[in-house]
Amino acid sequence: MTFLDDDRPKKPLAHEIGQDLSTLSVDEIDKRVALLREEIARLEAEKVTKASGKAAAENLFKS
């Protein structure tokens, strides 16, 4: 039997934006805050990478 990616059970998200937080413990909230901070850092790093590439391309075409 072959499973397609769509047929496999989905791994639950660690956090979903806008989800009800009232059932979470302080420890669970702390873990989610840490997870989101790591994701923000990852996004910021990618933003810097893309901005550098964009600036290099713009400088190339200005010449």
N, C-alpha and C. Protein backbone atom coordinates (compact mmCIF):
# COMPACT_ATOMS: atom_id res chain seq x y z
N MET A 1 0.84 -1.18 0.00
CA MET A 1 0.00 0.00 0.00
C MET A 1 0.88 1.24 0.00
N THR A 2 0.62 2.18 -0.89
CA THR A 2 1.39 3.40 -1.00
C THR A 2 0.59 4.57 -0.47
N PHE A 3 1.24 5.38 0.36
CA PHE A 3 0.59 6.57 0.89
C PHE A 3 1.05 7.79 0.11
N LEU A 4 0.13 8.60 -0.26
CA LEU A 4 0.47 9.89 -0.85
C LEU A 4 0.64 10.89 0.27
N ASP A 5 1.41 11.93 0.03
CA ASP A 5 1.62 12.94 1.07
C ASP A 5 0.30 13.50 1.59
N ASP A 6 -0.69 13.64 0.72
CA ASP A 6 -1.98 14.18 1.15
C ASP A 6 -2.76 13.22 2.03
N ASP A 7 -2.44 11.93 1.96
CA ASP A 7 -3.16 10.92 2.74
C ASP A 7 -2.58 10.73 4.13
N ARG A 8 -1.37 11.21 4.32
CA ARG A 8 -0.72 11.02 5.62
C ARG A 8 -1.31 11.97 6.64
N PRO A 9 -1.36 11.52 7.90
CA PRO A 9 -1.87 12.44 8.94
C PRO A 9 -0.99 13.67 9.03
N LYS A 10 -1.61 14.79 9.20
CA LYS A 10 -0.88 16.05 9.30
C LYS A 10 -0.31 16.20 10.70
N LYS A 11 0.95 16.63 10.77
CA LYS A 11 1.57 16.89 12.06
C LYS A 11 0.92 18.15 12.62
N PRO A 12 0.44 18.09 13.86
CA PRO A 12 -0.22 19.29 14.41
C PRO A 12 0.77 20.45 14.52
N LEU A 13 0.28 21.63 14.23
CA LEU A 13 1.11 22.81 14.34
C LEU A 13 1.41 23.10 15.80
N ALA A 14 2.60 23.61 16.06
CA ALA A 14 2.94 23.96 17.43
C ALA A 14 2.15 25.19 17.87
N HIS A 15 1.84 26.04 16.90
CA HIS A 15 1.03 27.21 17.22
C HIS A 15 0.32 27.68 15.97
N GLU A 16 -0.91 28.05 16.12
CA GLU A 16 -1.68 28.59 15.01
C GLU A 16 -2.07 30.02 15.37
N ILE A 17 -1.78 30.94 14.48
CA ILE A 17 -2.08 32.35 14.72
C ILE A 17 -3.58 32.50 14.99
N GLY A 18 -3.90 33.20 16.06
CA GLY A 18 -5.29 33.48 16.40
C GLY A 18 -6.00 32.39 17.19
N GLN A 19 -5.31 31.30 17.50
CA GLN A 19 -5.97 30.22 18.22
C GLN A 19 -6.28 30.62 19.66
N ASP A 20 -7.26 29.95 20.25
CA ASP A 20 -7.66 30.21 21.64
C ASP A 20 -6.50 29.84 22.57
N LEU A 21 -6.09 30.78 23.38
CA LEU A 21 -4.96 30.55 24.30
C LEU A 21 -5.42 30.22 25.72
N SER A 22 -6.71 30.28 25.97
CA SER A 22 -7.21 30.13 27.33
C SER A 22 -6.97 28.74 27.93
N THR A 23 -6.76 27.74 27.08
CA THR A 23 -6.54 26.38 27.59
C THR A 23 -5.07 26.05 27.81
N LEU A 24 -4.18 26.98 27.48
CA LEU A 24 -2.75 26.71 27.59
C LEU A 24 -2.23 27.07 28.98
N SER A 25 -1.24 26.29 29.42
CA SER A 25 -0.57 26.60 30.67
C SER A 25 0.48 27.68 30.42
N VAL A 26 1.00 28.25 31.48
CA VAL A 26 2.07 29.25 31.36
C VAL A 26 3.27 28.64 30.66
N ASP A 27 3.61 27.39 30.99
CA ASP A 27 4.74 26.71 30.36
C ASP A 27 4.50 26.54 28.86
N GLU A 28 3.31 26.16 28.47
CA GLU A 28 2.99 26.00 27.05
C GLU A 28 3.08 27.36 26.33
N ILE A 29 2.61 28.40 26.97
CA ILE A 29 2.69 29.73 26.37
C ILE A 29 4.16 30.14 26.22
N ASP A 30 4.97 29.89 27.24
CA ASP A 30 6.41 30.21 27.15
C ASP A 30 7.07 29.47 25.99
N LYS A 31 6.73 28.21 25.79
CA LYS A 31 7.30 27.41 24.70
C LYS A 31 6.88 27.98 23.35
N ARG A 32 5.63 28.40 23.25
CA ARG A 32 5.15 28.98 21.99
C ARG A 32 5.80 30.33 21.71
N VAL A 33 5.99 31.12 22.74
CA VAL A 33 6.66 32.42 22.57
C VAL A 33 8.08 32.18 22.07
N ALA A 34 8.78 31.20 22.65
CA ALA A 34 10.14 30.89 22.21
C ALA A 34 10.14 30.41 20.76
N LEU A 35 9.20 29.57 20.41
CA LEU A 35 9.08 29.08 19.04
C LEU A 35 8.85 30.24 18.06
N LEU A 36 7.95 31.14 18.42
CA LEU A 36 7.65 32.27 17.56
C LEU A 36 8.83 33.24 17.46
N ARG A 37 9.58 33.41 18.55
CA ARG A 37 10.77 34.27 18.49
C ARG A 37 11.81 33.68 17.55
N GLU A 38 11.97 32.35 17.58
CA GLU A 38 12.90 31.68 16.67
C GLU A 38 12.45 31.88 15.22
N GLU A 39 11.16 31.79 15.00
CA GLU A 39 10.63 31.96 13.64
C GLU A 39 10.81 33.40 13.17
N ILE A 40 10.61 34.36 14.06
CA ILE A 40 10.83 35.77 13.71
C ILE A 40 12.30 35.98 13.35
N ALA A 41 13.20 35.40 14.10
CA ALA A 41 14.63 35.54 13.80
C ALA A 41 14.95 34.93 12.44
N ARG A 42 14.35 33.81 12.13
CA ARG A 42 14.56 33.16 10.84
C ARG A 42 14.03 34.04 9.70
N LEU A 43 12.86 34.62 9.90
CA LEU A 43 12.29 35.51 8.90
C LEU A 43 13.14 36.76 8.70
N GLU A 44 13.60 37.35 9.80
CA GLU A 44 14.45 38.54 9.71
C GLU A 44 15.74 38.24 8.97
N ALA A 45 16.34 37.07 9.23
CA ALA A 45 17.58 36.69 8.55
C ALA A 45 17.33 36.53 7.05
N GLU A 46 16.22 35.94 6.68
CA GLU A 46 15.90 35.78 5.26
C GLU A 46 15.64 37.13 4.61
N LYS A 47 15.02 38.03 5.34
CA LYS A 47 14.76 39.38 4.84
C LYS A 47 16.08 40.08 4.53
N VAL A 48 17.06 39.96 5.42
CA VAL A 48 18.37 40.57 5.21
C VAL A 48 19.03 39.97 3.96
N THR A 49 18.96 38.66 3.83
CA THR A 49 19.54 37.98 2.67
C THR A 49 18.92 38.49 1.38
N LYS A 50 17.60 38.57 1.36
CA LYS A 50 16.91 39.02 0.16
C LYS A 50 17.19 40.49 -0.13
N ALA A 51 17.25 41.31 0.89
CA ALA A 51 17.54 42.73 0.70
C ALA A 51 18.95 42.91 0.13
N SER A 52 19.90 42.11 0.59
CA SER A 52 21.27 42.18 0.07
C SER A 52 21.31 41.80 -1.40
N GLY A 53 20.58 40.75 -1.74
CA GLY A 53 20.52 40.33 -3.14
C GLY A 53 19.87 41.38 -4.02
N LYS A 54 18.83 41.99 -3.52
CA LYS A 54 18.14 43.04 -4.26
C LYS A 54 19.05 44.24 -4.48
N ALA A 55 19.77 44.64 -3.43
CA ALA A 55 20.68 45.78 -3.53
C ALA A 55 21.79 45.48 -4.53
N ALA A 56 22.30 44.27 -4.51
CA ALA A 56 23.36 43.90 -5.45
C ALA A 56 22.85 43.94 -6.88
N ALA A 57 21.63 43.47 -7.10
CA ALA A 57 21.05 43.51 -8.45
C ALA A 57 20.81 44.95 -8.89
N GLU A 58 20.31 45.77 -8.00
CA GLU A 58 20.08 47.17 -8.34
C GLU A 58 21.39 47.88 -8.69
N ASN A 59 22.44 47.60 -7.95
CA ASN A 59 23.75 48.21 -8.23
C ASN A 59 24.31 47.73 -9.58
N LEU A 60 24.06 46.48 -9.91
CA LEU A 60 24.53 45.93 -11.17
C LEU A 60 23.88 46.65 -12.35
N PHE A 61 22.58 46.93 -12.23
CA PHE A 61 21.87 47.56 -13.33
C PHE A 61 22.05 49.08 -13.37
N LYS A 62 22.55 49.67 -12.30
CA LYS A 62 22.82 51.12 -12.29
C LYS A 62 24.09 51.45 -13.07
N SER A 63 24.98 50.49 -13.15
CA SER A 63 26.28 50.72 -13.82
C SER A 63 26.14 50.96 -15.29
